[in-house]
PDB file of N, CA and C in Angstrom:
ATOM      1  N   MET A   1       0.816  -1.195   0.000  1.00  0.00           N
ATOM      2  CA  MET A   1       0.000   0.000   0.000  1.00  0.00           C
ATOM      3  C   MET A   1       0.862   1.264   0.000  1.00  0.00           C
ATOM      4  N   LEU A   2       1.867   1.313   0.840  1.00  0.00           N
ATOM      5  CA  LEU A   2       2.719   2.496   0.920  1.00  0.00           C
ATOM      6  C   LEU A   2       4.065   2.276   0.240  1.00  0.00           C
ATOM      7  N   ASN A   3       4.134   1.304  -0.624  1.00  0.00           N
ATOM      8  CA  ASN A   3       5.396   0.971  -1.287  1.00  0.00           C
ATOM      9  C   ASN A   3       5.922   2.104  -2.164  1.00  0.00           C
ATOM     10  N   ASP A   4       5.041   2.975  -2.639  1.00  0.00           N
ATOM     11  CA  ASP A   4       5.460   4.061  -3.521  1.00  0.00           C
ATOM     12  C   ASP A   4       6.081   5.238  -2.764  1.00  0.00           C
ATOM     13  N   TYR A   5       6.050   5.193  -1.444  1.00  0.00           N
ATOM     14  CA  TYR A   5       6.547   6.304  -0.634  1.00  0.00           C
ATOM     15  C   TYR A   5       7.901   5.959  -0.018  1.00  0.00           C
ATOM     16  N   LYS A   6       8.709   6.996   0.199  1.00  0.00           N
ATOM     17  CA  LYS A   6      10.016   6.817   0.831  1.00  0.00           C
ATOM     18  C   LYS A   6       9.829   6.469   2.313  1.00  0.00           C
ATOM     19  N   ASP A   7      10.906   6.061   2.962  1.00  0.00           N
ATOM     20  CA  ASP A   7      10.849   5.694   4.371  1.00  0.00           C
ATOM     21  C   ASP A   7      10.526   6.883   5.271  1.00  0.00           C
ATOM     22  N   MET A   8      10.903   8.075   4.862  1.00  0.00           N
ATOM     23  CA  MET A   8      10.554   9.294   5.587  1.00  0.00           C
ATOM     24  C   MET A   8       9.571  10.079   4.728  1.00  0.00           C
ATOM     25  N   MET A   9       8.402  10.320   5.286  1.00  0.00           N
ATOM     26  CA  MET A   9       7.327  10.966   4.532  1.00  0.00           C
ATOM     27  C   MET A   9       7.121  12.393   5.027  1.00  0.00           C
ATOM     28  N   THR A  10       6.589  13.238   4.151  1.00  0.00           N
ATOM     29  CA  THR A  10       6.186  14.583   4.527  1.00  0.00           C
ATOM     30  C   THR A  10       4.698  14.561   4.855  1.00  0.00           C
ATOM     31  N   VAL A  11       4.200  15.669   5.363  1.00  0.00           N
ATOM     32  CA  VAL A  11       2.767  15.759   5.648  1.00  0.00           C
ATOM     33  C   VAL A  11       1.979  15.616   4.348  1.00  0.00           C
ATOM     34  N   LYS A  12       2.499  16.165   3.275  1.00  0.00           N
ATOM     35  CA  LYS A  12       1.835  16.032   1.976  1.00  0.00           C
ATOM     36  C   LYS A  12       1.754  14.560   1.569  1.00  0.00           C
ATOM     37  N   ASP A  13       2.838  13.818   1.767  1.00  0.00           N
ATOM     38  CA  ASP A  13       2.829  12.384   1.455  1.00  0.00           C
ATOM     39  C   ASP A  13       1.791  11.646   2.300  1.00  0.00           C
ATOM     40  N   VAL A  14       1.734  11.984   3.582  1.00  0.00           N
ATOM     41  CA  VAL A  14       0.777  11.335   4.480  1.00  0.00           C
ATOM     42  C   VAL A  14      -0.650  11.624   4.036  1.00  0.00           C
ATOM     43  N   SER A  15      -0.922  12.864   3.684  1.00  0.00           N
ATOM     44  CA  SER A  15      -2.282  13.208   3.252  1.00  0.00           C
ATOM     45  C   SER A  15      -2.661  12.466   1.974  1.00  0.00           C
ATOM     46  N   GLN A  16      -1.713  12.310   1.066  1.00  0.00           N
ATOM     47  CA  GLN A  16      -1.993  11.561  -0.164  1.00  0.00           C
ATOM     48  C   GLN A  16      -2.165  10.074   0.117  1.00  0.00           C
ATOM     49  N   ALA A  17      -1.320   9.523   0.979  1.00  0.00           N
ATOM     50  CA  ALA A  17      -1.374   8.089   1.273  1.00  0.00           C
ATOM     51  C   ALA A  17      -2.664   7.717   1.997  1.00  0.00           C
ATOM     52  N   LEU A  18      -3.104   8.582   2.912  1.00  0.00           N
ATOM     53  CA  LEU A  18      -4.311   8.291   3.682  1.00  0.00           C
ATOM     54  C   LEU A  18      -5.576   8.829   3.027  1.00  0.00           C
ATOM     55  N   ARG A  19      -5.370   9.572   1.942  1.00  0.00           N
ATOM     56  CA  ARG A  19      -6.489  10.188   1.213  1.00  0.00           C
ATOM     57  C   ARG A  19      -7.326  11.089   2.128  1.00  0.00           C
ATOM     58  N   ILE A  20      -6.600  11.961   2.829  1.00  0.00           N
ATOM     59  CA  ILE A  20      -7.221  12.952   3.700  1.00  0.00           C
ATOM     60  C   ILE A  20      -6.672  14.310   3.300  1.00  0.00           C
ATOM     61  N   GLY A  21      -7.298  15.355   3.789  1.00  0.00           N
ATOM     62  CA  GLY A  21      -6.823  16.698   3.491  1.00  0.00           C
ATOM     63  C   GLY A  21      -5.519  17.005   4.198  1.00  0.00           C
ATOM     64  N   LYS A  22      -4.814  17.990   3.674  1.00  0.00           N
ATOM     65  CA  LYS A  22      -3.530  18.363   4.252  1.00  0.00           C
ATOM     66  C   LYS A  22      -3.708  18.914   5.667  1.00  0.00           C
ATOM     67  N   ASN A  23      -4.780  19.665   5.920  1.00  0.00           N
ATOM     68  CA  ASN A  23      -5.027  20.194   7.258  1.00  0.00           C
ATOM     69  C   ASN A  23      -5.281  19.072   8.254  1.00  0.00           C
ATOM     70  N   THR A  24      -5.998  18.047   7.842  1.00  0.00           N
ATOM     71  CA  THR A  24      -6.253  16.897   8.714  1.00  0.00           C
ATOM     72  C   THR A  24      -4.954  16.162   9.002  1.00  0.00           C
ATOM     73  N   ALA A  25      -4.114  16.015   7.992  1.00  0.00           N
ATOM     74  CA  ALA A  25      -2.820  15.362   8.192  1.00  0.00           C
ATOM     75  C   ALA A  25      -1.962  16.175   9.163  1.00  0.00           C
ATOM     76  N   TYR A  26      -1.936  17.504   9.013  1.00  0.00           N
ATOM     77  CA  TYR A  26      -1.193  18.350   9.953  1.00  0.00           C
ATOM     78  C   TYR A  26      -1.744  18.196  11.365  1.00  0.00           C
ATOM     79  N   SER A  27      -3.052  18.103  11.495  1.00  0.00           N
ATOM     80  CA  SER A  27      -3.672  17.933  12.803  1.00  0.00           C
ATOM     81  C   SER A  27      -3.237  16.622  13.460  1.00  0.00           C
ATOM     82  N   LEU A  28      -3.258  15.539  12.695  1.00  0.00           N
ATOM     83  CA  LEU A  28      -2.843  14.239  13.224  1.00  0.00           C
ATOM     84  C   LEU A  28      -1.394  14.259  13.677  1.00  0.00           C
ATOM     85  N   VAL A  29      -0.558  14.948  12.927  1.00  0.00           N
ATOM     86  CA  VAL A  29       0.869  15.010  13.242  1.00  0.00           C
ATOM     87  C   VAL A  29       1.123  15.958  14.420  1.00  0.00           C
ATOM     88  N   SER A  30       0.540  17.130  14.394  1.00  0.00           N
ATOM     89  CA  SER A  30       0.812  18.114  15.450  1.00  0.00           C
ATOM     90  C   SER A  30       0.244  17.679  16.796  1.00  0.00           C
ATOM     91  N   ARG A  31      -0.852  16.915  16.806  1.00  0.00           N
ATOM     92  CA  ARG A  31      -1.434  16.406  18.052  1.00  0.00           C
ATOM     93  C   ARG A  31      -0.739  15.140  18.533  1.00  0.00           C
ATOM     94  N   GLY A  32       0.197  14.623  17.746  1.00  0.00           N
ATOM     95  CA  GLY A  32       0.958  13.443  18.152  1.00  0.00           C
ATOM     96  C   GLY A  32       0.241  12.129  17.913  1.00  0.00           C
ATOM     97  N   ILE A  33      -0.877  12.168  17.215  1.00  0.00           N
ATOM     98  CA  ILE A  33      -1.599  10.925  16.903  1.00  0.00           C
ATOM     99  C   ILE A  33      -0.759  10.083  15.953  1.00  0.00           C
ATOM    100  N   ILE A  34      -0.126  10.757  15.004  1.00  0.00           N
ATOM    101  CA  ILE A  34       0.907  10.123  14.180  1.00  0.00           C
ATOM    102  C   ILE A  34       2.222  10.766  14.618  1.00  0.00           C
ATOM    103  N   PRO A  35       3.085  10.027  15.298  1.00  0.00           N
ATOM    104  CA  PRO A  35       4.350  10.608  15.763  1.00  0.00           C
ATOM    105  C   PRO A  35       5.196  11.091  14.588  1.00  0.00           C
ATOM    106  N   SER A  36       5.983  12.114  14.850  1.00  0.00           N
ATOM    107  CA  SER A  36       6.815  12.680  13.790  1.00  0.00           C
ATOM    108  C   SER A  36       8.097  13.253  14.378  1.00  0.00           C
ATOM    109  N   LEU A  37       8.980  13.612  13.490  1.00  0.00           N
ATOM    110  CA  LEU A  37      10.202  14.317  13.836  1.00  0.00           C
ATOM    111  C   LEU A  37      10.097  15.700  13.210  1.00  0.00           C
ATOM    112  N   LYS A  38      10.583  16.692  13.889  1.00  0.00           N
ATOM    113  CA  LYS A  38      10.506  18.039  13.338  1.00  0.00           C
ATOM    114  C   LYS A  38      11.899  18.502  12.983  1.00  0.00           C
ATOM    115  N   ASN A  39      12.070  18.922  11.741  1.00  0.00           N
ATOM    116  CA  ASN A  39      13.337  19.416  11.228  1.00  0.00           C
ATOM    117  C   ASN A  39      13.111  20.866  10.813  1.00  0.00           C
ATOM    118  N   GLY A  40      13.411  21.798  11.706  1.00  0.00           N
ATOM    119  CA  GLY A  40      13.099  23.195  11.432  1.00  0.00           C
ATOM    120  C   GLY A  40      11.598  23.382  11.473  1.00  0.00           C
ATOM    121  N   ARG A  41      11.040  23.856  10.388  1.00  0.00           N
ATOM    122  CA  ARG A  41       9.587  24.024  10.287  1.00  0.00           C
ATOM    123  C   ARG A  41       8.918  22.818   9.654  1.00  0.00           C
ATOM    124  N   ARG A  42       9.692  21.862   9.244  1.00  0.00           N
ATOM    125  CA  ARG A  42       9.182  20.733   8.458  1.00  0.00           C
ATOM    126  C   ARG A  42       9.006  19.487   9.325  1.00  0.00           C
ATOM    127  N   TYR A  43       7.851  18.828   9.186  1.00  0.00           N
ATOM    128  CA  TYR A  43       7.604  17.559   9.850  1.00  0.00           C
ATOM    129  C   TYR A  43       8.073  16.424   8.947  1.00  0.00           C
ATOM    130  N   LEU A  44       8.770  15.462   9.524  1.00  0.00           N
ATOM    131  CA  LEU A  44       9.151  14.244   8.817  1.00  0.00           C
ATOM    132  C   LEU A  44       8.538  13.076   9.576  1.00  0.00           C
ATOM    133  N   ILE A  45       7.838  12.226   8.856  1.00  0.00           N
ATOM    134  CA  ILE A  45       7.118  11.123   9.466  1.00  0.00           C
ATOM    135  C   ILE A  45       7.670   9.810   8.920  1.00  0.00           C
ATOM    136  N   PRO A  46       8.253   8.982   9.778  1.00  0.00           N
ATOM    137  CA  PRO A  46       8.692   7.667   9.311  1.00  0.00           C
ATOM    138  C   PRO A  46       7.492   6.856   8.808  1.00  0.00           C
ATOM    139  N   LYS A  47       7.663   6.210   7.694  1.00  0.00           N
ATOM    140  CA  LYS A  47       6.572   5.443   7.089  1.00  0.00           C
ATOM    141  C   LYS A  47       6.009   4.412   8.069  1.00  0.00           C
ATOM    142  N   GLN A  48       6.851   3.848   8.909  1.00  0.00           N
ATOM    143  CA  GLN A  48       6.385   2.847   9.874  1.00  0.00           C
ATOM    144  C   GLN A  48       5.362   3.447  10.836  1.00  0.00           C
ATOM    145  N   TYR A  49       5.499   4.737  11.168  1.00  0.00           N
ATOM    146  CA  TYR A  49       4.531   5.383  12.052  1.00  0.00           C
ATOM    147  C   TYR A  49       3.166   5.504  11.380  1.00  0.00           C
ATOM    148  N   VAL A  50       3.161   5.735  10.086  1.00  0.00           N
ATOM    149  CA  VAL A  50       1.892   5.803   9.347  1.00  0.00           C
ATOM    150  C   VAL A  50       1.258   4.413   9.308  1.00  0.00           C
ATOM    151  N   ILE A  51       2.071   3.393   9.091  1.00  0.00           N
ATOM    152  CA  ILE A  51       1.562   2.025   9.092  1.00  0.00           C
ATOM    153  C   ILE A  51       1.003   1.680  10.474  1.00  0.00           C
ATOM    154  N   ASP A  52       1.722   2.048  11.535  1.00  0.00           N
ATOM    155  CA  ASP A  52       1.244   1.803  12.896  1.00  0.00           C
ATOM    156  C   ASP A  52      -0.081   2.511  13.145  1.00  0.00           C
ATOM    157  N   TYR A  53      -0.213   3.740  12.654  1.00  0.00           N
ATOM    158  CA  TYR A  53      -1.465   4.484  12.790  1.00  0.00           C
ATOM    159  C   TYR A  53      -2.598   3.752  12.085  1.00  0.00           C
ATOM    160  N   LEU A  54      -2.348   3.303  10.875  1.00  0.00           N
ATOM    161  CA  LEU A  54      -3.388   2.587  10.133  1.00  0.00           C
ATOM    162  C   LEU A  54      -3.816   1.315  10.864  1.00  0.00           C
ATOM    163  N   LEU A  55      -2.864   0.599  11.406  1.00  0.00           N
ATOM    164  CA  LEU A  55      -3.193  -0.629  12.141  1.00  0.00           C
ATOM    165  C   LEU A  55      -3.970  -0.309  13.421  1.00  0.00           C
ATOM    166  N   SER A  56      -3.637   0.788  14.074  1.00  0.00           N
ATOM    167  CA  SER A  56      -4.347   1.147  15.302  1.00  0.00           C
ATOM    168  C   SER A  56      -5.765   1.620  15.012  1.00  0.00           C
ATOM    169  N   GLN A  57      -5.999   2.135  13.814  1.00  0.00           N
ATOM    170  CA  GLN A  57      -7.316   2.636  13.443  1.00  0.00           C
ATOM    171  C   GLN A  57      -8.246   1.559  12.891  1.00  0.00           C
ATOM    172  N   ARG A  58      -7.754   0.389  12.787  1.00  0.00           N
ATOM    173  CA  ARG A  58      -8.534  -0.708  12.218  1.00  0.00           C
ATOM    174  C   ARG A  58      -9.886  -0.857  12.925  1.00  0.00           C
ATOM    175  N   TYR A  59      -9.898  -0.691  14.245  1.00  0.00           N
ATOM    176  CA  TYR A  59     -11.124  -0.851  15.012  1.00  0.00           C
ATOM    177  C   TYR A  59     -11.561   0.414  15.746  1.00  0.00           C
ATOM    178  N   ASN A  60     -10.862   1.520  15.529  1.00  0.00           N
ATOM    179  CA  ASN A  60     -11.157   2.760  16.230  1.00  0.00           C
ATOM    180  C   ASN A  60     -11.168   3.908  15.226  1.00  0.00           C
ATOM    181  N   ILE A  61     -12.282   4.147  14.600  1.00  0.00           N
ATOM    182  CA  ILE A  61     -12.374   5.121  13.502  1.00  0.00           C
ATOM    183  C   ILE A  61     -12.638   6.543  13.993  1.00  0.00           C
ATOM    184  N   LYS A  62     -13.113   6.755  15.191  1.00  0.00           N
ATOM    185  CA  LYS A  62     -13.550   8.074  15.651  1.00  0.00           C
ATOM    186  C   LYS A  62     -12.433   9.021  16.028  1.00  0.00           C
ATOM    187  N   GLN A  63     -11.164   8.653  15.898  1.00  0.00           N
ATOM    188  CA  GLN A  63     -10.080   9.510  16.338  1.00  0.00           C
ATOM    189  C   GLN A  63      -9.812  10.666  15.381  1.00  0.00           C
ATOM    190  N   LEU A  64     -10.187  10.583  14.149  1.00  0.00           N
ATOM    191  CA  LEU A  64     -10.001  11.696  13.221  1.00  0.00           C
ATOM    192  C   LEU A  64     -10.887  12.829  13.655  1.00  0.00           C
TER     193      LEU A  64
END
């Protein structure tokens, strides 16, 4: 599913991969729901964290 993305993703990549808006992706990252690393003003999200988020949401959809 995420094979087309690099190991470190941007918020834009996350929004495209999850098919959500960029503001929603920023919200998930800034609230720590999807853990990230911050490099200056830029968020970098390891692909494994996105996979972990997807697996955790399998039975809990109301967190968005």
